[in-house]
Amino acid sequence: MATLQVSTASNAPTVDHERVDELRSFLTEWLLGTGPFDDLTADVIEPGPEQDAETDSDTETGDTPSPYLVLYGYASFGPAHRPTVRDAARDHLDADGDLEGLSDDDRDALIDAETEDLVYDYQHEHTEDFLRELAAYLTEPFIVQTAGYEKCRFPLVGYQYTVDPDGEITHVSLA
């Protein structure tokens, strides 16, 4: 059986330096993508003044470069909003009666387990929501690309999403 080989990378757009902690909190609410080998990594990098030789900071004034967002990994970009999936898992378990008679700790453990099982079913369903909400933190456009293949028998997988700070989203399929 062939295994899908996928890579995802983004540009490194600068973000609002006053909202870095808020952006980090926002990113923890999302499963940004999964693959056979890894999940995607997203982080906000805050360069220090000592890194000015490689960045755009002003060496004469000592200005610190703006923080920037990075997203990369060996997985496809397809965000799923964890709290939304958790609500769906709770509703599913409640409808089946699986939550009745459980202690709060057991109930939370069962909901957590169901959430982890369901989150992959919701992958790609919240992509535009993620990008639209992310736009509020950006000071320049964010571009993310995914490309991959599965041996030679199947066509190339490739797409790109772009969101600008105003929230305008563009999707291009490269396959």
Protein backbone atom coordinates (compact mmCIF):
# COMPACT_ATOMS: atom_id res chain seq x y z
CA MET A 1 0.00 0.00 0.00
CA ALA A 2 1.29 3.43 -0.95
CA THR A 3 1.62 6.21 1.58
CA LEU A 4 0.79 9.80 0.76
CA GLN A 5 3.88 12.00 1.05
CA VAL A 6 2.89 15.60 1.81
CA SER A 7 4.77 18.77 2.75
CA THR A 8 3.34 22.11 3.80
CA ALA A 9 5.11 25.42 4.22
CA SER A 10 4.12 29.05 4.57
CA ASN A 11 5.72 32.39 4.05
CA ALA A 12 6.64 34.15 7.28
CA PRO A 13 4.25 37.10 7.50
CA THR A 14 4.72 39.64 10.23
CA VAL A 15 2.04 39.82 12.88
CA ASP A 16 0.76 42.54 15.19
CA HIS A 17 3.39 42.72 17.96
CA GLU A 18 0.75 43.73 20.52
CA ARG A 19 -1.29 40.55 19.91
CA VAL A 20 1.40 37.84 19.95
CA ASP A 21 0.11 36.10 23.10
CA GLU A 22 -3.44 36.27 21.81
CA LEU A 23 -2.32 34.73 18.49
CA ARG A 24 -0.52 31.90 20.28
CA SER A 25 -3.69 31.16 22.24
CA PHE A 26 -5.72 31.23 19.02
CA LEU A 27 -3.35 28.73 17.36
CA THR A 28 -3.75 26.21 20.21
CA GLU A 29 -7.48 25.94 19.42
CA TRP A 30 -6.76 24.49 15.99
CA LEU A 31 -5.51 21.21 14.56
CA LEU A 32 -3.97 22.70 11.43
CA GLY A 33 -3.31 19.53 9.52
CA THR A 34 -2.24 15.93 9.80
CA GLY A 35 -0.39 13.44 7.68
CA PRO A 36 0.90 9.89 7.91
CA PHE A 37 4.05 11.05 9.69
CA ASP A 38 3.37 14.31 11.48
CA ASP A 39 1.08 17.20 12.39
CA LEU A 40 1.73 20.72 11.20
CA THR A 41 3.72 23.06 13.40
CA ALA A 42 2.61 26.68 13.79
CA ASP A 43 4.42 29.20 15.93
CA VAL A 44 4.98 32.91 16.39
CA ILE A 45 8.66 33.82 16.32
CA GLU A 46 9.78 36.92 18.19
CA PRO A 47 13.29 37.78 16.96
CA GLY A 48 15.58 39.56 19.39
CA PRO A 49 17.85 42.49 18.56
CA GLU A 50 20.84 40.14 18.37
CA GLN A 51 19.37 38.56 15.23
CA ASP A 52 19.51 41.80 13.22
CA ALA A 53 22.21 40.64 10.78
CA GLU A 54 19.77 38.27 9.09
CA THR A 55 16.57 40.29 9.47
CA ASP A 56 15.20 43.69 8.63
CA SER A 57 15.92 45.36 11.98
CA ASP A 58 17.78 48.63 12.01
CA THR A 59 21.28 48.01 13.39
CA GLU A 60 21.85 51.71 14.07
CA THR A 61 18.72 52.23 16.17
CA GLY A 62 18.58 48.72 17.65
CA ASP A 63 14.93 48.28 16.66
CA THR A 64 13.72 44.75 17.14
CA PRO A 65 12.22 43.12 14.05
CA SER A 66 8.51 42.37 14.04
CA PRO A 67 7.29 38.97 15.21
CA TYR A 68 6.25 36.60 12.44
CA LEU A 69 4.17 33.48 11.95
CA VAL A 70 5.58 30.20 10.63
CA LEU A 71 3.67 27.08 9.62
CA TYR A 72 5.36 23.95 8.29
CA GLY A 73 5.45 20.17 8.41
CA TYR A 74 4.95 16.87 6.64
CA ALA A 75 1.16 17.02 6.59
CA SER A 76 -1.57 18.65 4.54
CA PHE A 77 -3.04 22.01 5.57
CA GLY A 78 -6.64 21.42 6.62
CA PRO A 79 -7.62 23.19 9.85
CA ALA A 80 -10.16 21.78 12.27
CA HIS A 81 -11.40 23.89 15.19
CA ARG A 82 -10.94 21.77 18.32
CA PRO A 83 -13.72 23.41 20.45
CA THR A 84 -16.25 22.94 17.63
CA VAL A 85 -15.26 19.29 17.25
CA ARG A 86 -15.46 18.84 21.04
CA ASP A 87 -19.04 20.20 21.01
CA ALA A 88 -19.91 17.77 18.20
CA ALA A 89 -18.34 14.88 20.14
CA ARG A 90 -20.30 15.81 23.28
CA ASP A 91 -23.55 16.03 21.28
CA HIS A 92 -22.86 12.66 19.63
CA LEU A 93 -22.12 10.92 22.94
CA ASP A 94 -25.08 12.61 24.65
CA ALA A 95 -27.46 11.53 21.87
CA ASP A 96 -26.28 7.92 22.27
CA GLY A 97 -26.70 8.11 26.06
CA ASP A 98 -23.00 7.31 26.64
CA LEU A 99 -22.56 10.20 29.10
CA GLU A 100 -25.31 9.22 31.51
CA GLY A 101 -24.22 8.16 34.97
CA LEU A 102 -20.55 9.08 34.51
CA SER A 103 -18.54 11.19 36.91
CA ASP A 104 -17.30 14.57 35.63
CA ASP A 105 -13.77 13.20 35.18
CA ASP A 106 -14.96 10.11 33.28
CA ARG A 107 -17.30 12.25 31.19
CA ASP A 108 -14.44 14.62 30.25
CA ALA A 109 -12.11 11.71 29.44
CA LEU A 110 -14.72 10.12 27.17
CA ILE A 111 -15.43 13.43 25.42
CA ASP A 112 -11.68 14.02 24.97
CA ALA A 113 -11.21 10.57 23.44
CA GLU A 114 -14.17 11.05 21.09
CA THR A 115 -12.87 14.51 20.14
CA GLU A 116 -9.48 13.07 19.14
CA ASP A 117 -11.26 10.43 17.01
CA LEU A 118 -13.54 12.99 15.33
CA VAL A 119 -11.04 15.81 14.75
CA TYR A 120 -9.65 14.05 11.67
CA ASP A 121 -13.14 13.77 10.18
CA TYR A 122 -13.46 17.55 10.44
CA GLN A 123 -10.12 18.28 8.78
CA HIS A 124 -10.48 20.86 5.98
CA GLU A 125 -14.00 21.81 7.10
CA HIS A 126 -12.90 24.93 8.96
CA THR A 127 -10.13 26.19 6.65
CA GLU A 128 -11.80 29.43 5.64
CA ASP A 129 -12.90 30.12 9.23
CA PHE A 130 -9.31 29.67 10.41
CA LEU A 131 -7.92 31.97 7.72
CA ARG A 132 -10.59 34.63 8.27
CA GLU A 133 -9.91 34.70 12.02
CA LEU A 134 -6.14 34.62 11.48
CA ALA A 135 -6.32 37.74 9.28
CA ALA A 136 -7.00 39.90 12.36
CA TYR A 137 -3.48 39.19 13.64
CA LEU A 138 -1.61 39.74 10.35
CA THR A 139 0.17 42.85 9.12
CA GLU A 140 0.89 41.31 5.69
CA PRO A 141 -0.57 38.45 3.61
CA PHE A 142 -0.22 34.84 4.78
CA ILE A 143 0.43 32.22 2.10
CA VAL A 144 0.44 28.48 2.80
CA GLN A 145 1.14 25.77 0.23
CA THR A 146 0.73 22.01 0.37
CA ALA A 147 2.20 19.64 -2.18
CA GLY A 148 2.40 15.87 -2.21
CA TYR A 149 2.18 12.63 -4.10
CA GLU A 150 1.36 8.96 -3.59
CA LYS A 151 3.91 6.91 -5.52
CA CYS A 152 3.54 7.40 -9.29
CA ARG A 153 0.05 5.95 -9.58
CA PHE A 154 -1.86 8.94 -8.36
CA PRO A 155 -1.78 12.59 -9.42
CA LEU A 156 0.03 15.29 -7.57
CA VAL A 157 -1.77 16.91 -4.65
CA GLY A 158 -1.19 20.63 -4.51
CA TYR A 159 -2.98 23.73 -3.35
CA GLN A 160 -2.35 27.17 -1.96
CA TYR A 161 -4.34 29.42 0.34
CA THR A 162 -3.70 33.12 0.72
CA VAL A 163 -5.32 35.50 3.19
CA ASP A 164 -4.58 39.18 3.43
CA PRO A 165 -4.94 41.30 6.59
CA ASP A 166 -8.40 42.41 5.39
CA GLY A 167 -9.62 38.79 5.44
CA GLU A 168 -9.80 38.22 1.67
CA ILE A 169 -9.10 34.55 0.98
CA THR A 170 -7.80 33.05 -2.26
CA HIS A 171 -7.59 29.31 -2.93
CA VAL A 172 -5.69 27.84 -5.86
CA SER A 173 -5.57 24.13 -6.69
CA LEU A 174 -2.27 23.19 -8.28
CA ALA A 175 -3.34 19.69 -9.33
